[in-house]
Structure formats: C-alpha cells, structure tokens
C-alpha cells in the first residue's frame, strides 16, 4: 500500500524546512507496512531574484524595513522550533538565493527517485551551513552527496533542461490556489504551514484508513 504525499515548498522558506521535519517525524510513527511516496512541487517566493541571489542583509532590510527587525524574525523562528532538532544558522547566511536552479535539480533528482534526499540536503546546507544554493557548483556537490554523478548534475544545472517543466509545475500550483508555502497534500486534506507533528500524523492516519477502505 502506497500513500502519495504532495509537498509544495521553496528552499528559502524556514517553515518549509520545519514542516518537512515534522512530517518526517509523523511518518516515522505510522505502521511500517505503509509505503510513503513524497512528490515535491516547486514554488519560488522570489521569482525575480537575481540569478546568483542578493546580499541577505540588503534584501531583508528592504523587505522588512530594517535589518534589526529581520533579525528579530529570525530569532522568533529559532525560538518556535527549539524542539525540532534544527540548528538554524542565520549568522552564516550571506546571500538570499535564487532557488530556480535548486528546483530544476530537484526535478532532475525526482526522475531518479531521489528528490526527498536532495530536498533534505538543500534545506540543510542553506539553513544550517549558510551556503549559497544559487551556485551550480554547490548544487552539483549536493547531488553527489545523494549518489548523482557530480559532473552530470553540473552539466544539467548549466543547461536549460527542466526549465519549462518547472515553470509549468509552478503555474499549476498557482492554478490550484496555492499562494504560500509550505502546502502539503495528504490524501484529501491540504495542510498549510508548519503544523505540529500531531496534525500531520492525524492526516496521515486518516489517509491510510481511506486507502484501506478502497
């Protein structure tokens, strides 16, 4: 029995990382006989970001009115996720990246059944290591971490392959009414935001029960 979960997210969204962690924790509590397939859909919060990103201090100061207020928001994120085993290192982040290449690489990894592994790596290196995930070289290195040939990944990233497909997936998300992320579809239920583990577990169990009844 396979339960497919649809995850729409962006790699610069801290709550997408938190939701992924909490969803993973909920999945771990399910009956092990249930096979979970996670399908990832792209969403760019900053579609017009320069290709290599923008200095984070400048970008966040412009977006939120001041660097001080931006830092307060970062601190709130850390405080709200103390039990989620996430080591946010906002102090290491120098760039707010353009995530289009990352989404294209995720699409590529999905063709090989490795999307979830790659998504986890991208989230980790951005939020806990502060690396610029706009960089083709960094992304290719992450692909190598999950068993994709680094040279093949780099060649793919530096091409235009997958661009139209990713754009089409993004348009579909908008057409489904998704205006923010994370948005996670479990069975017939759509969960928005980084909800508690219990919320995800309840939705998962309900979806499994519905599959069993079919």
C-alpha atoms as a PDB file:
ATOM      1  CA  UNK A   1       0.000   0.000   0.000  1.00  0.00           C
ATOM      2  CA  UNK A   2       1.448   3.337  -1.105  1.00  0.00           C
ATOM      3  CA  UNK A   3       0.397   6.746   0.165  1.00  0.00           C
ATOM      4  CA  UNK A   4       1.494   9.667  -2.013  1.00  0.00           C
ATOM      5  CA  UNK A   5       2.157  12.997  -0.305  1.00  0.00           C
ATOM      6  CA  UNK A   6       2.420  16.145  -2.400  1.00  0.00           C
ATOM      7  CA  UNK A   7       4.736  18.813  -0.992  1.00  0.00           C
ATOM      8  CA  UNK A   8       4.848  22.322  -2.448  1.00  0.00           C
ATOM      9  CA  UNK A   9       7.687  24.367  -0.966  1.00  0.00           C
ATOM     10  CA  UNK A  10      10.617  26.709  -1.508  1.00  0.00           C
ATOM     11  CA  UNK A  11      14.123  26.262  -0.179  1.00  0.00           C
ATOM     12  CA  UNK A  12      14.414  29.748   1.331  1.00  0.00           C
ATOM     13  CA  UNK A  13      11.322  29.202   3.483  1.00  0.00           C
ATOM     14  CA  UNK A  14      12.288  28.190   7.040  1.00  0.00           C
ATOM     15  CA  UNK A  15       8.784  26.932   7.746  1.00  0.00           C
ATOM     16  CA  UNK A  16       9.072  24.585   4.754  1.00  0.00           C
ATOM     17  CA  UNK A  17      12.079  23.000   6.453  1.00  0.00           C
ATOM     18  CA  UNK A  18      10.196  22.803   9.750  1.00  0.00           C
ATOM     19  CA  UNK A  19       7.167  21.244   8.055  1.00  0.00           C
ATOM     20  CA  UNK A  20       9.390  18.691   6.330  1.00  0.00           C
ATOM     21  CA  UNK A  21      10.965  17.741   9.666  1.00  0.00           C
ATOM     22  CA  UNK A  22       7.603  17.416  11.400  1.00  0.00           C
ATOM     23  CA  UNK A  23       6.085  15.458   8.527  1.00  0.00           C
ATOM     24  CA  UNK A  24       9.058  13.090   8.611  1.00  0.00           C
ATOM     25  CA  UNK A  25       8.579  12.601  12.362  1.00  0.00           C
ATOM     26  CA  UNK A  26       4.904  11.826  11.817  1.00  0.00           C
ATOM     27  CA  UNK A  27       5.678   9.332   9.042  1.00  0.00           C
ATOM     28  CA  UNK A  28       8.052   7.524  11.412  1.00  0.00           C
ATOM     29  CA  UNK A  29       5.099   6.840  13.716  1.00  0.00           C
ATOM     30  CA  UNK A  30       2.992   5.179  11.018  1.00  0.00           C
ATOM     31  CA  UNK A  31       2.642   1.450  10.539  1.00  0.00           C
ATOM     32  CA  UNK A  32       5.887   0.433   8.766  1.00  0.00           C
ATOM     33  CA  UNK A  33       3.908  -1.556   6.194  1.00  0.00           C
ATOM     34  CA  UNK A  34       2.705   1.702   4.656  1.00  0.00           C
ATOM     35  CA  UNK A  35       4.913   2.839   1.780  1.00  0.00           C
ATOM     36  CA  UNK A  36       5.202   6.629   1.623  1.00  0.00           C
ATOM     37  CA  UNK A  37       5.973   8.405  -1.624  1.00  0.00           C
ATOM     38  CA  UNK A  38       6.758  12.103  -1.352  1.00  0.00           C
ATOM     39  CA  UNK A  39       6.308  14.166  -4.510  1.00  0.00           C
ATOM     40  CA  UNK A  40       7.880  17.631  -4.474  1.00  0.00           C
ATOM     41  CA  UNK A  41       6.472  20.617  -6.340  1.00  0.00           C
ATOM     42  CA  UNK A  42       8.343  23.905  -6.874  1.00  0.00           C
ATOM     43  CA  UNK A  43       7.318  27.314  -5.610  1.00  0.00           C
ATOM     44  CA  UNK A  44       9.542  30.389  -5.880  1.00  0.00           C
ATOM     45  CA  UNK A  45       8.890  33.035  -3.243  1.00  0.00           C
ATOM     46  CA  UNK A  46      11.266  35.393  -5.079  1.00  0.00           C
ATOM     47  CA  UNK A  47      10.907  34.548  -8.786  1.00  0.00           C
ATOM     48  CA  UNK A  48      12.585  37.807  -9.824  1.00  0.00           C
ATOM     49  CA  UNK A  49      15.633  37.393  -7.584  1.00  0.00           C
ATOM     50  CA  UNK A  50      18.965  37.916  -9.430  1.00  0.00           C
ATOM     51  CA  UNK A  51      20.386  34.625 -10.681  1.00  0.00           C
ATOM     52  CA  UNK A  52      23.100  34.408  -8.016  1.00  0.00           C
ATOM     53  CA  UNK A  53      20.920  35.848  -5.273  1.00  0.00           C
ATOM     54  CA  UNK A  54      21.298  39.070  -3.312  1.00  0.00           C
ATOM     55  CA  UNK A  55      23.178  40.107  -0.208  1.00  0.00           C
ATOM     56  CA  UNK A  56      20.898  38.932   2.574  1.00  0.00           C
ATOM     57  CA  UNK A  57      21.300  41.973   4.790  1.00  0.00           C
ATOM     58  CA  UNK A  58      20.301  44.316   1.965  1.00  0.00           C
ATOM     59  CA  UNK A  59      17.428  42.140   0.780  1.00  0.00           C
ATOM     60  CA  UNK A  60      15.953  41.538   4.231  1.00  0.00           C
ATOM     61  CA  UNK A  61      16.359  45.161   5.262  1.00  0.00           C
ATOM     62  CA  UNK A  62      14.452  46.272   2.190  1.00  0.00           C
ATOM     63  CA  UNK A  63      11.757  43.626   2.630  1.00  0.00           C
ATOM     64  CA  UNK A  64      11.127  44.130   6.348  1.00  0.00           C
ATOM     65  CA  UNK A  65      12.045  47.769   6.797  1.00  0.00           C
ATOM     66  CA  UNK A  66      15.218  47.240   8.817  1.00  0.00           C
ATOM     67  CA  UNK A  67      17.943  44.690   9.489  1.00  0.00           C
ATOM     68  CA  UNK A  68      17.101  44.758  13.188  1.00  0.00           C
ATOM     69  CA  UNK A  69      13.512  43.700  12.550  1.00  0.00           C
ATOM     70  CA  UNK A  70      14.731  40.966  10.194  1.00  0.00           C
ATOM     71  CA  UNK A  71      16.949  39.613  12.953  1.00  0.00           C
ATOM     72  CA  UNK A  72      14.012  39.641  15.357  1.00  0.00           C
ATOM     73  CA  UNK A  73      12.045  37.485  12.912  1.00  0.00           C
ATOM     74  CA  UNK A  74      14.967  35.075  12.630  1.00  0.00           C
ATOM     75  CA  UNK A  75      15.135  34.829  16.409  1.00  0.00           C
ATOM     76  CA  UNK A  76      11.416  34.039  16.584  1.00  0.00           C
ATOM     77  CA  UNK A  77      11.903  31.200  14.112  1.00  0.00           C
ATOM     78  CA  UNK A  78      14.643  29.693  16.268  1.00  0.00           C
ATOM     79  CA  UNK A  79      12.556  30.076  19.427  1.00  0.00           C
ATOM     80  CA  UNK A  80       9.467  28.479  17.859  1.00  0.00           C
ATOM     81  CA  UNK A  81      11.377  25.422  16.642  1.00  0.00           C
ATOM     82  CA  UNK A  82      13.510  24.540  19.647  1.00  0.00           C
ATOM     83  CA  UNK A  83      12.061  21.015  19.765  1.00  0.00           C
ATOM     84  CA  UNK A  84      12.530  20.294  16.066  1.00  0.00           C
ATOM     85  CA  UNK A  85      16.245  19.487  16.068  1.00  0.00           C
ATOM     86  CA  UNK A  86      17.074  22.203  13.557  1.00  0.00           C
ATOM     87  CA  UNK A  87      20.217  24.263  14.016  1.00  0.00           C
ATOM     88  CA  UNK A  88      19.320  27.462  12.210  1.00  0.00           C
ATOM     89  CA  UNK A  89      22.489  29.435  11.455  1.00  0.00           C
ATOM     90  CA  UNK A  90      21.225  32.731  10.139  1.00  0.00           C
ATOM     91  CA  UNK A  91      24.561  34.232  11.166  1.00  0.00           C
ATOM     92  CA  UNK A  92      26.269  32.205   8.417  1.00  0.00           C
ATOM     93  CA  UNK A  93      23.900  33.294   5.641  1.00  0.00           C
ATOM     94  CA  UNK A  94      25.396  35.998   3.464  1.00  0.00           C
ATOM     95  CA  UNK A  95      23.084  35.611   0.461  1.00  0.00           C
ATOM     96  CA  UNK A  96      19.358  35.220  -0.095  1.00  0.00           C
ATOM     97  CA  UNK A  97      19.486  32.880  -3.084  1.00  0.00           C
ATOM     98  CA  UNK A  98      17.581  32.463  -6.281  1.00  0.00           C
ATOM     99  CA  UNK A  99      16.090  28.974  -5.950  1.00  0.00           C
ATOM    100  CA  UNK A 100      15.230  28.220  -9.578  1.00  0.00           C
ATOM    101  CA  UNK A 101      18.333  26.069 -10.201  1.00  0.00           C
ATOM    102  CA  UNK A 102      17.654  24.173  -6.980  1.00  0.00           C
ATOM    103  CA  UNK A 103      14.097  23.414  -8.090  1.00  0.00           C
ATOM    104  CA  UNK A 104      15.321  22.287 -11.509  1.00  0.00           C
ATOM    105  CA  UNK A 105      17.856  19.973  -9.879  1.00  0.00           C
ATOM    106  CA  UNK A 106      15.134  18.604  -7.616  1.00  0.00           C
ATOM    107  CA  UNK A 107      13.038  17.882 -10.711  1.00  0.00           C
ATOM    108  CA  UNK A 108      16.062  16.067 -12.177  1.00  0.00           C
ATOM    109  CA  UNK A 109      16.568  14.078  -8.970  1.00  0.00           C
ATOM    110  CA  UNK A 110      12.888  13.108  -8.972  1.00  0.00           C
ATOM    111  CA  UNK A 111      13.433  11.292 -12.273  1.00  0.00           C
ATOM    112  CA  UNK A 112      15.831   9.043 -10.356  1.00  0.00           C
ATOM    113  CA  UNK A 113      13.688   8.611  -7.249  1.00  0.00           C
ATOM    114  CA  UNK A 114      15.999  10.776  -5.135  1.00  0.00           C
ATOM    115  CA  UNK A 115      14.035  14.002  -4.729  1.00  0.00           C
ATOM    116  CA  UNK A 116      13.412  13.750  -0.991  1.00  0.00           C
ATOM    117  CA  UNK A 117      17.071  13.021  -0.253  1.00  0.00           C
ATOM    118  CA  UNK A 118      18.140  16.038  -2.288  1.00  0.00           C
ATOM    119  CA  UNK A 119      15.497  18.330  -0.789  1.00  0.00           C
ATOM    120  CA  UNK A 120      16.724  17.474   2.700  1.00  0.00           C
ATOM    121  CA  UNK A 121      20.331  18.222   1.706  1.00  0.00           C
ATOM    122  CA  UNK A 122      19.464  21.568   0.125  1.00  0.00           C
ATOM    123  CA  UNK A 123      17.465  22.689   3.151  1.00  0.00           C
ATOM    124  CA  UNK A 124      20.265  21.633   5.481  1.00  0.00           C
ATOM    125  CA  UNK A 125      23.148  23.358   3.716  1.00  0.00           C
ATOM    126  CA  UNK A 126      21.187  26.577   3.370  1.00  0.00           C
ATOM    127  CA  UNK A 127      19.691  26.882   6.831  1.00  0.00           C
ATOM    128  CA  UNK A 128      22.386  25.242   8.940  1.00  0.00           C
ATOM    129  CA  UNK A 129      25.525  25.924   6.893  1.00  0.00           C
ATOM    130  CA  UNK A 130      24.593  29.185   5.204  1.00  0.00           C
ATOM    131  CA  UNK A 131      25.697  28.111   1.722  1.00  0.00           C
ATOM    132  CA  UNK A 132      24.510  29.923  -1.394  1.00  0.00           C
ATOM    133  CA  UNK A 133      22.217  27.452  -3.130  1.00  0.00           C
ATOM    134  CA  UNK A 134      22.125  29.699  -6.199  1.00  0.00           C
ATOM    135  CA  UNK A 135      25.546  28.236  -7.036  1.00  0.00           C
ATOM    136  CA  UNK A 136      25.595  25.498  -9.669  1.00  0.00           C
ATOM    137  CA  UNK A 137      28.792  24.087  -8.159  1.00  0.00           C
ATOM    138  CA  UNK A 138      27.302  23.832  -4.663  1.00  0.00           C
ATOM    139  CA  UNK A 139      24.154  22.201  -6.017  1.00  0.00           C
ATOM    140  CA  UNK A 140      26.162  19.706  -8.064  1.00  0.00           C
ATOM    141  CA  UNK A 141      28.122  18.826  -4.938  1.00  0.00           C
ATOM    142  CA  UNK A 142      24.853  18.182  -3.082  1.00  0.00           C
ATOM    143  CA  UNK A 143      23.713  15.955  -5.929  1.00  0.00           C
ATOM    144  CA  UNK A 144      26.909  13.944  -5.494  1.00  0.00           C
ATOM    145  CA  UNK A 145      26.078  13.559  -1.798  1.00  0.00           C
ATOM    146  CA  UNK A 146      22.965  11.573  -2.712  1.00  0.00           C
ATOM    147  CA  UNK A 147      24.550   9.431  -5.413  1.00  0.00           C
ATOM    148  CA  UNK A 148      24.106  11.502  -8.580  1.00  0.00           C
ATOM    149  CA  UNK A 149      27.253  11.955 -10.641  1.00  0.00           C
ATOM    150  CA  UNK A 150      28.561  15.447  -9.896  1.00  0.00           C
ATOM    151  CA  UNK A 151      29.650  16.192 -13.471  1.00  0.00           C
ATOM    152  CA  UNK A 152      26.302  15.046 -14.836  1.00  0.00           C
ATOM    153  CA  UNK A 153      24.482  17.214 -12.291  1.00  0.00           C
ATOM    154  CA  UNK A 154      26.635  20.253 -13.106  1.00  0.00           C
ATOM    155  CA  UNK A 155      26.068  19.831 -16.830  1.00  0.00           C
ATOM    156  CA  UNK A 156      22.321  19.596 -16.210  1.00  0.00           C
ATOM    157  CA  UNK A 157      22.231  22.692 -13.996  1.00  0.00           C
ATOM    158  CA  UNK A 158      24.216  24.729 -16.517  1.00  0.00           C
ATOM    159  CA  UNK A 159      21.787  23.783 -19.290  1.00  0.00           C
ATOM    160  CA  UNK A 160      18.180  24.886 -19.732  1.00  0.00           C
ATOM    161  CA  UNK A 161      16.803  21.372 -19.353  1.00  0.00           C
ATOM    162  CA  UNK A 162      13.857  21.175 -16.995  1.00  0.00           C
ATOM    163  CA  UNK A 163      13.170  24.912 -17.050  1.00  0.00           C
ATOM    164  CA  UNK A 164       9.861  24.643 -18.893  1.00  0.00           C
ATOM    165  CA  UNK A 165       8.781  21.693 -16.776  1.00  0.00           C
ATOM    166  CA  UNK A 166       9.497  23.533 -13.516  1.00  0.00           C
ATOM    167  CA  UNK A 167       7.701  26.657 -14.727  1.00  0.00           C
ATOM    168  CA  UNK A 168       4.681  24.561 -15.672  1.00  0.00           C
ATOM    169  CA  UNK A 169       4.625  22.936 -12.228  1.00  0.00           C
ATOM    170  CA  UNK A 170       4.807  26.373 -10.615  1.00  0.00           C
ATOM    171  CA  UNK A 171       1.889  27.593 -12.716  1.00  0.00           C
ATOM    172  CA  UNK A 172      -0.124  24.538 -11.720  1.00  0.00           C
ATOM    173  CA  UNK A 173       0.469  25.332  -8.056  1.00  0.00           C
ATOM    174  CA  UNK A 174      -0.937  28.820  -8.570  1.00  0.00           C
ATOM    175  CA  UNK A 175      -3.888  27.425 -10.513  1.00  0.00           C
ATOM    176  CA  UNK A 176      -4.625  25.130  -7.533  1.00  0.00           C
ATOM    177  CA  UNK A 177      -4.888  28.202  -5.333  1.00  0.00           C
ATOM    178  CA  UNK A 178      -1.524  27.906  -3.597  1.00  0.00           C
ATOM    179  CA  UNK A 179      -0.321  31.381  -2.655  1.00  0.00           C
ATOM    180  CA  UNK A 180       2.160  30.475   0.078  1.00  0.00           C
ATOM    181  CA  UNK A 181       4.243  27.585   1.298  1.00  0.00           C
ATOM    182  CA  UNK A 182       4.541  25.032   2.708  1.00  0.00           C
ATOM    183  CA  UNK A 183       1.421  23.395   1.303  1.00  0.00           C
ATOM    184  CA  UNK A 184       1.204  19.654   1.848  1.00  0.00           C
ATOM    185  CA  UNK A 185      -1.485  17.396   0.425  1.00  0.00           C
ATOM    186  CA  UNK A 186      -2.062  14.174   2.365  1.00  0.00           C
ATOM    187  CA  UNK A 187      -4.900  12.125   0.946  1.00  0.00           C
ATOM    188  CA  UNK A 188      -7.831  14.514   0.512  1.00  0.00           C
ATOM    189  CA  UNK A 189      -6.513  17.011   3.048  1.00  0.00           C
ATOM    190  CA  UNK A 190      -4.288  20.011   2.389  1.00  0.00           C
ATOM    191  CA  UNK A 191      -2.185  21.218   5.300  1.00  0.00           C
ATOM    192  CA  UNK A 192      -0.800  24.737   5.119  1.00  0.00           C
ATOM    193  CA  UNK A 193       2.138  25.866   7.211  1.00  0.00           C
ATOM    194  CA  UNK A 194       4.406  24.067   9.653  1.00  0.00           C
ATOM    195  CA  UNK A 195       1.729  22.394  11.749  1.00  0.00           C
ATOM    196  CA  UNK A 196       2.541  20.235  14.811  1.00  0.00           C
ATOM    197  CA  UNK A 197       3.589  16.623  14.311  1.00  0.00           C
ATOM    198  CA  UNK A 198       0.214  15.502  15.683  1.00  0.00           C
ATOM    199  CA  UNK A 199      -1.643  17.321  12.897  1.00  0.00           C
ATOM    200  CA  UNK A 200       0.423  15.580  10.245  1.00  0.00           C
ATOM    201  CA  UNK A 201       0.033  12.211  11.976  1.00  0.00           C
ATOM    202  CA  UNK A 202      -3.749  12.560  12.152  1.00  0.00           C
ATOM    203  CA  UNK A 203      -3.913  13.425   8.451  1.00  0.00           C
ATOM    204  CA  UNK A 204      -1.604  10.549   7.565  1.00  0.00           C
ATOM    205  CA  UNK A 205      -3.606   8.018   9.541  1.00  0.00           C
ATOM    206  CA  UNK A 206      -6.858   9.241   8.002  1.00  0.00           C
ATOM    207  CA  UNK A 207      -5.389   8.928   4.505  1.00  0.00           C
ATOM    208  CA  UNK A 208      -4.115   5.419   5.242  1.00  0.00           C
ATOM    209  CA  UNK A 209      -7.536   4.409   6.558  1.00  0.00           C
ATOM    210  CA  UNK A 210      -9.161   5.739   3.376  1.00  0.00           C
ATOM    211  CA  UNK A 211      -6.725   3.744   1.240  1.00  0.00           C
ATOM    212  CA  UNK A 212      -7.535   0.611   3.215  1.00  0.00           C
ATOM    213  CA  UNK A 213     -11.255   1.087   2.645  1.00  0.00           C
ATOM    214  CA  UNK A 214     -10.901   1.245  -1.127  1.00  0.00           C
END
